[in-house]
């Protein structure tokens, strides 16, 4: 099993979000502290990274997951705007 690593993402004065991730080669996967993958829209939260950007990407994904768990709009994860352009309402 890959080691679970911890990261803290800065949210503002006196506020941080804690995240956990695993790294398998160049694939970063966000996980819970027990190693289970975090799922958003029925897919694990992963991203391909370079060694120098691992922590920055983990912080970015931690913020994205926090927003999703709080019910806020998360870019790229569902809740896309509905288009009614071709719809006819009677």
PDB file of N, CA and C in Angstrom:
ATOM      1  N   UNK A   1       0.841  -1.190   0.000  1.00  0.00           N
ATOM      2  CA  UNK A   1       0.000   0.000   0.000  1.00  0.00           C
ATOM      3  C   UNK A   1       0.880   1.246   0.000  1.00  0.00           C
ATOM      4  N   UNK A   2       0.469   2.253  -0.721  1.00  0.00           N
ATOM      5  CA  UNK A   2       1.197   3.511  -0.809  1.00  0.00           C
ATOM      6  C   UNK A   2       0.984   4.310   0.478  1.00  0.00           C
ATOM      7  N   UNK A   3       2.025   5.010   0.908  1.00  0.00           N
ATOM      8  CA  UNK A   3       1.927   5.823   2.121  1.00  0.00           C
ATOM      9  C   UNK A   3       0.939   6.966   1.938  1.00  0.00           C
ATOM     10  N   UNK A   4       0.138   7.192   2.987  1.00  0.00           N
ATOM     11  CA  UNK A   4      -0.787   8.321   2.990  1.00  0.00           C
ATOM     12  C   UNK A   4      -0.023   9.533   3.511  1.00  0.00           C
ATOM     13  N   UNK A   5      -0.020  10.591   2.722  1.00  0.00           N
ATOM     14  CA  UNK A   5       0.675  11.825   3.084  1.00  0.00           C
ATOM     15  C   UNK A   5      -0.350  12.898   3.431  1.00  0.00           C
ATOM     16  N   UNK A   6       0.065  13.850   4.229  1.00  0.00           N
ATOM     17  CA  UNK A   6      -0.827  14.900   4.713  1.00  0.00           C
ATOM     18  C   UNK A   6      -0.397  16.245   4.135  1.00  0.00           C
ATOM     19  N   UNK A   7      -1.397  17.103   3.878  1.00  0.00           N
ATOM     20  CA  UNK A   7      -1.120  18.439   3.369  1.00  0.00           C
ATOM     21  C   UNK A   7      -2.113  19.403   4.008  1.00  0.00           C
ATOM     22  N   UNK A   8      -1.685  20.650   4.203  1.00  0.00           N
ATOM     23  CA  UNK A   8      -2.564  21.694   4.726  1.00  0.00           C
ATOM     24  C   UNK A   8      -2.664  22.798   3.687  1.00  0.00           C
ATOM     25  N   UNK A   9      -3.890  23.121   3.289  1.00  0.00           N
ATOM     26  CA  UNK A   9      -4.130  24.159   2.292  1.00  0.00           C
ATOM     27  C   UNK A   9      -4.600  25.425   3.002  1.00  0.00           C
ATOM     28  N   UNK A  10      -3.956  26.524   2.711  1.00  0.00           N
ATOM     29  CA  UNK A  10      -4.286  27.820   3.310  1.00  0.00           C
ATOM     30  C   UNK A  10      -5.615  28.328   2.754  1.00  0.00           C
ATOM     31  N   UNK A  11      -6.538  28.678   3.657  1.00  0.00           N
ATOM     32  CA  UNK A  11      -7.840  29.207   3.256  1.00  0.00           C
ATOM     33  C   UNK A  11      -7.989  30.688   3.580  1.00  0.00           C
ATOM     34  N   UNK A  12      -7.242  31.163   4.517  1.00  0.00           N
ATOM     35  CA  UNK A  12      -7.329  32.548   4.953  1.00  0.00           C
ATOM     36  C   UNK A  12      -6.686  32.664   6.320  1.00  0.00           C
ATOM     37  N   UNK A  13      -6.678  33.873   6.877  1.00  0.00           N
ATOM     38  CA  UNK A  13      -6.068  34.049   8.194  1.00  0.00           C
ATOM     39  C   UNK A  13      -6.657  33.058   9.211  1.00  0.00           C
ATOM     40  N   UNK A  14      -5.775  32.287   9.826  1.00  0.00           N
ATOM     41  CA  UNK A  14      -6.149  31.318  10.863  1.00  0.00           C
ATOM     42  C   UNK A  14      -7.042  30.190  10.366  1.00  0.00           C
ATOM     43  N   UNK A  15      -7.086  29.936   9.047  1.00  0.00           N
ATOM     44  CA  UNK A  15      -7.918  28.859   8.516  1.00  0.00           C
ATOM     45  C   UNK A  15      -7.134  28.032   7.496  1.00  0.00           C
ATOM     46  N   UNK A  16      -7.112  26.740   7.737  1.00  0.00           N
ATOM     47  CA  UNK A  16      -6.498  25.812   6.791  1.00  0.00           C
ATOM     48  C   UNK A  16      -7.432  24.616   6.618  1.00  0.00           C
ATOM     49  N   UNK A  17      -7.262  23.915   5.513  1.00  0.00           N
ATOM     50  CA  UNK A  17      -7.992  22.669   5.275  1.00  0.00           C
ATOM     51  C   UNK A  17      -6.963  21.548   5.220  1.00  0.00           C
ATOM     52  N   UNK A  18      -7.268  20.472   5.905  1.00  0.00           N
ATOM     53  CA  UNK A  18      -6.377  19.327   5.934  1.00  0.00           C
ATOM     54  C   UNK A  18      -6.771  18.338   4.845  1.00  0.00           C
ATOM     55  N   UNK A  19      -5.787  17.843   4.114  1.00  0.00           N
ATOM     56  CA  UNK A  19      -6.041  16.855   3.081  1.00  0.00           C
ATOM     57  C   UNK A  19      -5.048  15.721   3.173  1.00  0.00           C
ATOM     58  N   UNK A  20      -5.406  14.616   2.546  1.00  0.00           N
ATOM     59  CA  UNK A  20      -4.533  13.450   2.518  1.00  0.00           C
ATOM     60  C   UNK A  20      -4.443  12.960   1.083  1.00  0.00           C
ATOM     61  N   UNK A  21      -3.285  12.437   0.721  1.00  0.00           N
ATOM     62  CA  UNK A  21      -3.098  11.944  -0.640  1.00  0.00           C
ATOM     63  C   UNK A  21      -2.093  10.806  -0.659  1.00  0.00           C
ATOM     64  N   UNK A  22      -2.152  10.045  -1.746  1.00  0.00           N
ATOM     65  CA  UNK A  22      -1.133   9.040  -2.020  1.00  0.00           C
ATOM     66  C   UNK A  22      -0.497   9.391  -3.356  1.00  0.00           C
ATOM     67  N   UNK A  23       0.706   8.921  -3.537  1.00  0.00           N
ATOM     68  CA  UNK A  23       1.434   9.186  -4.767  1.00  0.00           C
ATOM     69  C   UNK A  23       1.973   7.863  -5.291  1.00  0.00           C
ATOM     70  N   UNK A  24       1.547   7.506  -6.487  1.00  0.00           N
ATOM     71  CA  UNK A  24       1.998   6.287  -7.140  1.00  0.00           C
ATOM     72  C   UNK A  24       2.615   6.689  -8.472  1.00  0.00           C
ATOM     73  N   UNK A  25       3.923   6.809  -8.482  1.00  0.00           N
ATOM     74  CA  UNK A  25       4.613   7.333  -9.672  1.00  0.00           C
ATOM     75  C   UNK A  25       4.269   8.793  -9.830  1.00  0.00           C
ATOM     76  N   UNK A  26       3.622   9.143 -10.944  1.00  0.00           N
ATOM     77  CA  UNK A  26       3.215  10.535 -11.162  1.00  0.00           C
ATOM     78  C   UNK A  26       1.715  10.731 -10.958  1.00  0.00           C
ATOM     79  N   UNK A  27       1.046   9.736 -10.368  1.00  0.00           N
ATOM     80  CA  UNK A  27      -0.401   9.830 -10.148  1.00  0.00           C
ATOM     81  C   UNK A  27      -0.690  10.138  -8.680  1.00  0.00           C
ATOM     82  N   UNK A  28      -1.230  11.318  -8.442  1.00  0.00           N
ATOM     83  CA  UNK A  28      -1.627  11.746  -7.103  1.00  0.00           C
ATOM     84  C   UNK A  28      -3.111  11.430  -6.933  1.00  0.00           C
ATOM     85  N   UNK A  29      -3.463  10.752  -5.851  1.00  0.00           N
ATOM     86  CA  UNK A  29      -4.854  10.417  -5.553  1.00  0.00           C
ATOM     87  C   UNK A  29      -5.202  10.973  -4.186  1.00  0.00           C
ATOM     88  N   UNK A  30      -6.262  11.751  -4.115  1.00  0.00           N
ATOM     89  CA  UNK A  30      -6.722  12.272  -2.831  1.00  0.00           C
ATOM     90  C   UNK A  30      -7.455  11.159  -2.091  1.00  0.00           C
ATOM     91  N   UNK A  31      -7.144  11.017  -0.804  1.00  0.00           N
ATOM     92  CA  UNK A  31      -7.702   9.941  -0.003  1.00  0.00           C
ATOM     93  C   UNK A  31      -8.146  10.486   1.351  1.00  0.00           C
ATOM     94  N   UNK A  32      -8.912   9.668   2.078  1.00  0.00           N
ATOM     95  CA  UNK A  32      -9.211   9.960   3.474  1.00  0.00           C
ATOM     96  C   UNK A  32      -8.018   9.494   4.306  1.00  0.00           C
ATOM     97  N   UNK A  33      -7.990   9.829   5.584  1.00  0.00           N
ATOM     98  CA  UNK A  33      -6.843   9.467   6.409  1.00  0.00           C
ATOM     99  C   UNK A  33      -6.635   7.957   6.523  1.00  0.00           C
ATOM    100  N   UNK A  34      -7.666   7.163   6.206  1.00  0.00           N
ATOM    101  CA  UNK A  34      -7.529   5.703   6.253  1.00  0.00           C
ATOM    102  C   UNK A  34      -7.056   5.119   4.922  1.00  0.00           C
ATOM    103  N   UNK A  35      -6.801   5.966   3.917  1.00  0.00           N
ATOM    104  CA  UNK A  35      -6.296   5.514   2.634  1.00  0.00           C
ATOM    105  C   UNK A  35      -7.354   5.258   1.573  1.00  0.00           C
ATOM    106  N   UNK A  36      -8.645   5.345   1.938  1.00  0.00           N
ATOM    107  CA  UNK A  36      -9.713   5.155   0.966  1.00  0.00           C
ATOM    108  C   UNK A  36      -9.794   6.375   0.058  1.00  0.00           C
ATOM    109  N   UNK A  37      -9.929   6.189  -1.259  1.00  0.00           N
ATOM    110  CA  UNK A  37      -9.965   7.332  -2.173  1.00  0.00           C
ATOM    111  C   UNK A  37     -11.193   8.220  -1.964  1.00  0.00           C
ATOM    112  N   UNK A  38     -10.994   9.509  -2.119  1.00  0.00           N
ATOM    113  CA  UNK A  38     -12.092  10.478  -2.083  1.00  0.00           C
ATOM    114  C   UNK A  38     -12.777  10.410  -3.437  1.00  0.00           C
ATOM    115  N   UNK A  39     -14.100  10.265  -3.420  1.00  0.00           N
ATOM    116  CA  UNK A  39     -14.873  10.155  -4.651  1.00  0.00           C
ATOM    117  C   UNK A  39     -15.720  11.415  -4.826  1.00  0.00           C
ATOM    118  N   UNK A  40     -15.647  12.016  -5.998  1.00  0.00           N
ATOM    119  CA  UNK A  40     -16.528  13.114  -6.380  1.00  0.00           C
ATOM    120  C   UNK A  40     -17.156  12.722  -7.699  1.00  0.00           C
ATOM    121  N   UNK A  41     -18.467  12.809  -7.783  1.00  0.00           N
ATOM    122  CA  UNK A  41     -19.193  12.385  -8.989  1.00  0.00           C
ATOM    123  C   UNK A  41     -18.821  10.953  -9.370  1.00  0.00           C
ATOM    124  N   UNK A  42     -18.752  10.081  -8.371  1.00  0.00           N
ATOM    125  CA  UNK A  42     -18.486   8.646  -8.549  1.00  0.00           C
ATOM    126  C   UNK A  42     -17.138   8.336  -9.179  1.00  0.00           C
ATOM    127  N   UNK A  43     -16.182   9.243  -9.060  1.00  0.00           N
ATOM    128  CA  UNK A  43     -14.839   9.008  -9.587  1.00  0.00           C
ATOM    129  C   UNK A  43     -13.819   9.465  -8.549  1.00  0.00           C
ATOM    130  N   UNK A  44     -12.705   8.747  -8.431  1.00  0.00           N
ATOM    131  CA  UNK A  44     -11.681   9.190  -7.492  1.00  0.00           C
ATOM    132  C   UNK A  44     -11.065  10.506  -7.950  1.00  0.00           C
ATOM    133  N   UNK A  45     -10.645  11.302  -6.994  1.00  0.00           N
ATOM    134  CA  UNK A  45     -10.016  12.585  -7.297  1.00  0.00           C
ATOM    135  C   UNK A  45      -8.524  12.321  -7.504  1.00  0.00           C
ATOM    136  N   UNK A  46      -8.096  12.398  -8.763  1.00  0.00           N
ATOM    137  CA  UNK A  46      -6.697  12.123  -9.104  1.00  0.00           C
ATOM    138  C   UNK A  46      -6.182  13.185 -10.076  1.00  0.00           C
ATOM    139  N   UNK A  47      -4.877  13.254 -10.140  1.00  0.00           N
ATOM    140  CA  UNK A  47      -4.252  14.150 -11.110  1.00  0.00           C
ATOM    141  C   UNK A  47      -2.822  13.682 -11.350  1.00  0.00           C
ATOM    142  N   UNK A  48      -2.360  13.843 -12.565  1.00  0.00           N
ATOM    143  CA  UNK A  48      -0.975  13.538 -12.907  1.00  0.00           C
ATOM    144  C   UNK A  48      -0.124  14.739 -12.512  1.00  0.00           C
ATOM    145  N   UNK A  49       0.989  14.470 -11.819  1.00  0.00           N
ATOM    146  CA  UNK A  49       1.819  15.560 -11.297  1.00  0.00           C
ATOM    147  C   UNK A  49       3.290  15.335 -11.642  1.00  0.00           C
ATOM    148  N   UNK A  50       4.033  16.420 -11.558  1.00  0.00           N
ATOM    149  CA  UNK A  50       5.487  16.342 -11.648  1.00  0.00           C
ATOM    150  C   UNK A  50       6.029  16.446 -10.226  1.00  0.00           C
ATOM    151  N   UNK A  51       7.209  15.925  -9.956  1.00  0.00           N
ATOM    152  CA  UNK A  51       7.730  15.913  -8.580  1.00  0.00           C
ATOM    153  C   UNK A  51       7.743  17.279  -7.898  1.00  0.00           C
ATOM    154  N   UNK A  52       8.032  18.326  -8.643  1.00  0.00           N
ATOM    155  CA  UNK A  52       8.118  19.653  -8.019  1.00  0.00           C
ATOM    156  C   UNK A  52       6.753  20.275  -7.726  1.00  0.00           C
ATOM    157  N   UNK A  53       5.670  19.685  -8.224  1.00  0.00           N
ATOM    158  CA  UNK A  53       4.344  20.264  -8.025  1.00  0.00           C
ATOM    159  C   UNK A  53       3.408  19.414  -7.179  1.00  0.00           C
ATOM    160  N   UNK A  54       3.905  18.356  -6.575  1.00  0.00           N
ATOM    161  CA  UNK A  54       3.053  17.433  -5.824  1.00  0.00           C
ATOM    162  C   UNK A  54       2.278  18.153  -4.734  1.00  0.00           C
ATOM    163  N   UNK A  55       2.962  18.881  -3.886  1.00  0.00           N
ATOM    164  CA  UNK A  55       2.292  19.524  -2.756  1.00  0.00           C
ATOM    165  C   UNK A  55       1.315  20.612  -3.220  1.00  0.00           C
ATOM    166  N   UNK A  56       1.681  21.378  -4.218  1.00  0.00           N
ATOM    167  CA  UNK A  56       0.790  22.430  -4.728  1.00  0.00           C
ATOM    168  C   UNK A  56      -0.498  21.827  -5.295  1.00  0.00           C
ATOM    169  N   UNK A  57      -0.374  20.735  -6.026  1.00  0.00           N
ATOM    170  CA  UNK A  57      -1.558  20.081  -6.594  1.00  0.00           C
ATOM    171  C   UNK A  57      -2.415  19.491  -5.474  1.00  0.00           C
ATOM    172  N   UNK A  58      -1.788  18.879  -4.490  1.00  0.00           N
ATOM    173  CA  UNK A  58      -2.532  18.313  -3.364  1.00  0.00           C
ATOM    174  C   UNK A  58      -3.305  19.397  -2.618  1.00  0.00           C
ATOM    175  N   UNK A  59      -2.712  20.562  -2.452  1.00  0.00           N
ATOM    176  CA  UNK A  59      -3.407  21.678  -1.787  1.00  0.00           C
ATOM    177  C   UNK A  59      -4.594  22.156  -2.627  1.00  0.00           C
ATOM    178  N   UNK A  60      -4.388  22.256  -3.927  1.00  0.00           N
ATOM    179  CA  UNK A  60      -5.470  22.690  -4.816  1.00  0.00           C
ATOM    180  C   UNK A  60      -6.633  21.707  -4.754  1.00  0.00           C
ATOM    181  N   UNK A  61      -6.341  20.425  -4.810  1.00  0.00           N
ATOM    182  CA  UNK A  61      -7.395  19.420  -4.765  1.00  0.00           C
ATOM    183  C   UNK A  61      -8.066  19.362  -3.389  1.00  0.00           C
ATOM    184  N   UNK A  62      -7.306  19.627  -2.331  1.00  0.00           N
ATOM    185  CA  UNK A  62      -7.891  19.685  -0.990  1.00  0.00           C
ATOM    186  C   UNK A  62      -8.943  20.780  -0.925  1.00  0.00           C
ATOM    187  N   UNK A  63      -8.644  21.938  -1.495  1.00  0.00           N
ATOM    188  CA  UNK A  63      -9.615  23.040  -1.503  1.00  0.00           C
ATOM    189  C   UNK A  63     -10.846  22.666  -2.327  1.00  0.00           C
ATOM    190  N   UNK A  64     -10.640  22.009  -3.455  1.00  0.00           N
ATOM    191  CA  UNK A  64     -11.751  21.599  -4.320  1.00  0.00           C
ATOM    192  C   UNK A  64     -12.659  20.597  -3.599  1.00  0.00           C
ATOM    193  N   UNK A  65     -12.053  19.641  -2.912  1.00  0.00           N
ATOM    194  CA  UNK A  65     -12.827  18.634  -2.177  1.00  0.00           C
ATOM    195  C   UNK A  65     -13.592  19.293  -1.043  1.00  0.00           C
ATOM    196  N   UNK A  66     -12.961  20.213  -0.338  1.00  0.00           N
ATOM    197  CA  UNK A  66     -13.627  20.912   0.761  1.00  0.00           C
ATOM    198  C   UNK A  66     -14.873  21.627   0.256  1.00  0.00           C
ATOM    199  N   UNK A  67     -14.747  22.324  -0.869  1.00  0.00           N
ATOM    200  CA  UNK A  67     -15.902  23.010  -1.443  1.00  0.00           C
ATOM    201  C   UNK A  67     -17.017  22.024  -1.781  1.00  0.00           C
ATOM    202  N   UNK A  68     -16.657  20.909  -2.380  1.00  0.00           N
ATOM    203  CA  UNK A  68     -17.654  19.910  -2.769  1.00  0.00           C
ATOM    204  C   UNK A  68     -18.368  19.352  -1.535  1.00  0.00           C
ATOM    205  N   UNK A  69     -17.622  19.049  -0.493  1.00  0.00           N
ATOM    206  CA  UNK A  69     -18.221  18.491   0.719  1.00  0.00           C
ATOM    207  C   UNK A  69     -19.080  19.515   1.454  1.00  0.00           C
ATOM    208  N   UNK A  70     -18.807  20.787   1.251  1.00  0.00           N
ATOM    209  CA  UNK A  70     -19.607  21.839   1.882  1.00  0.00           C
ATOM    210  C   UNK A  70     -20.808  22.232   1.028  1.00  0.00           C
ATOM    211  N   UNK A  71     -20.926  21.635  -0.161  1.00  0.00           N
ATOM    212  CA  UNK A  71     -22.060  21.922  -1.030  1.00  0.00           C
ATOM    213  C   UNK A  71     -21.875  23.139  -1.906  1.00  0.00           C
ATOM    214  N   UNK A  72     -20.644  23.638  -1.995  1.00  0.00           N
ATOM    215  CA  UNK A  72     -20.366  24.796  -2.835  1.00  0.00           C
ATOM    216  C   UNK A  72     -20.086  24.334  -4.255  1.00  0.00           C
ATOM    217  N   UNK A  73     -20.260  25.224  -5.217  1.00  0.00           N
ATOM    218  CA  UNK A  73     -20.005  24.904  -6.611  1.00  0.00           C
ATOM    219  C   UNK A  73     -18.522  24.634  -6.812  1.00  0.00           C
ATOM    220  N   UNK A  74     -18.216  23.512  -7.439  1.00  0.00           N
ATOM    221  CA  UNK A  74     -16.836  23.136  -7.701  1.00  0.00           C
ATOM    222  C   UNK A  74     -16.655  23.021  -9.207  1.00  0.00           C
ATOM    223  N   UNK A  75     -15.780  23.839  -9.751  1.00  0.00           N
ATOM    224  CA  UNK A  75     -15.535  23.833 -11.191  1.00  0.00           C
ATOM    225  C   UNK A  75     -15.002  22.474 -11.633  1.00  0.00           C
ATOM    226  N   UNK A  76     -15.626  21.921 -12.657  1.00  0.00           N
ATOM    227  CA  UNK A  76     -15.171  20.653 -13.191  1.00  0.00           C
ATOM    228  C   UNK A  76     -15.787  19.420 -12.563  1.00  0.00           C
ATOM    229  N   UNK A  77     -16.618  19.586 -11.542  1.00  0.00           N
ATOM    230  CA  UNK A  77     -17.240  18.454 -10.870  1.00  0.00           C
ATOM    231  C   UNK A  77     -18.740  18.629 -10.823  1.00  0.00           C
ATOM    232  N   UNK A  78     -19.441  18.179 -11.845  1.00  0.00           N
ATOM    233  CA  UNK A  78     -20.901  18.161 -11.857  1.00  0.00           C
ATOM    234  C   UNK A  78     -21.520  19.534 -11.693  1.00  0.00           C
ATOM    235  N   UNK A  79     -22.804  19.527 -11.414  1.00  0.00           N
ATOM    236  CA  UNK A  79     -23.566  20.753 -11.196  1.00  0.00           C
ATOM    237  C   UNK A  79     -23.389  21.753 -12.329  1.00  0.00           C
ATOM    238  N   UNK A  80     -23.226  21.274 -13.536  1.00  0.00           N
ATOM    239  CA  UNK A  80     -23.075  22.197 -14.646  1.00  0.00           C
ATOM    240  C   UNK A  80     -24.410  22.868 -14.934  1.00  0.00           C
ATOM    241  N   UNK A  81     -24.337  24.033 -15.478  1.00  0.00           N
ATOM    242  CA  UNK A  81     -25.546  24.811 -15.751  1.00  0.00           C
ATOM    243  C   UNK A  81     -26.423  24.080 -16.759  1.00  0.00           C
ATOM    244  N   UNK A  82     -27.706  24.128 -16.539  1.00  0.00           N
ATOM    245  CA  UNK A  82     -28.652  23.521 -17.462  1.00  0.00           C
ATOM    246  C   UNK A  82     -28.954  24.495 -18.581  1.00  0.00           C
ATOM    247  N   UNK A  83     -29.003  23.987 -19.800  1.00  0.00           N
ATOM    248  CA  UNK A  83     -29.298  24.828 -20.946  1.00  0.00           C
ATOM    249  C   UNK A  83     -30.725  24.546 -21.415  1.00  0.00           C
ATOM    250  N   UNK A  84     -31.529  25.589 -21.501  1.00  0.00           N
ATOM    251  CA  UNK A  84     -32.921  25.457 -21.936  1.00  0.00           C
ATOM    252  C   UNK A  84     -33.155  26.113 -23.297  1.00  0.00           C
ATOM    253  N   UNK A  85     -32.095  26.358 -24.038  1.00  0.00           N
ATOM    254  CA  UNK A  85     -32.185  27.072 -25.296  1.00  0.00           C
ATOM    255  C   UNK A  85     -33.151  26.438 -26.287  1.00  0.00           C
ATOM    256  N   UNK A  86     -33.134  25.131 -26.420  1.00  0.00           N
ATOM    257  CA  UNK A  86     -33.959  24.444 -27.410  1.00  0.00           C
ATOM    258  C   UNK A  86     -35.258  23.889 -26.830  1.00  0.00           C
ATOM    259  N   UNK A  87     -35.537  24.217 -25.592  1.00  0.00           N
ATOM    260  CA  UNK A  87     -36.729  23.697 -24.937  1.00  0.00           C
ATOM    261  C   UNK A  87     -37.920  24.637 -25.189  1.00  0.00           C
ATOM    262  N   UNK A  88     -39.077  24.051 -25.328  1.00  0.00           N
ATOM    263  CA  UNK A  88     -40.315  24.831 -25.499  1.00  0.00           C
ATOM    264  C   UNK A  88     -41.211  24.506 -24.302  1.00  0.00           C
ATOM    265  N   UNK A  89     -41.555  25.525 -23.572  1.00  0.00           N
ATOM    266  CA  UNK A  89     -42.410  25.337 -22.404  1.00  0.00           C
ATOM    267  C   UNK A  89     -43.802  25.840 -22.739  1.00  0.00           C
ATOM    268  N   UNK A  90     -44.784  25.031 -22.463  1.00  0.00           N
ATOM    269  CA  UNK A  90     -46.162  25.401 -22.779  1.00  0.00           C
ATOM    270  C   UNK A  90     -46.922  25.615 -21.501  1.00  0.00           C
TER     271      UNK A  90
END
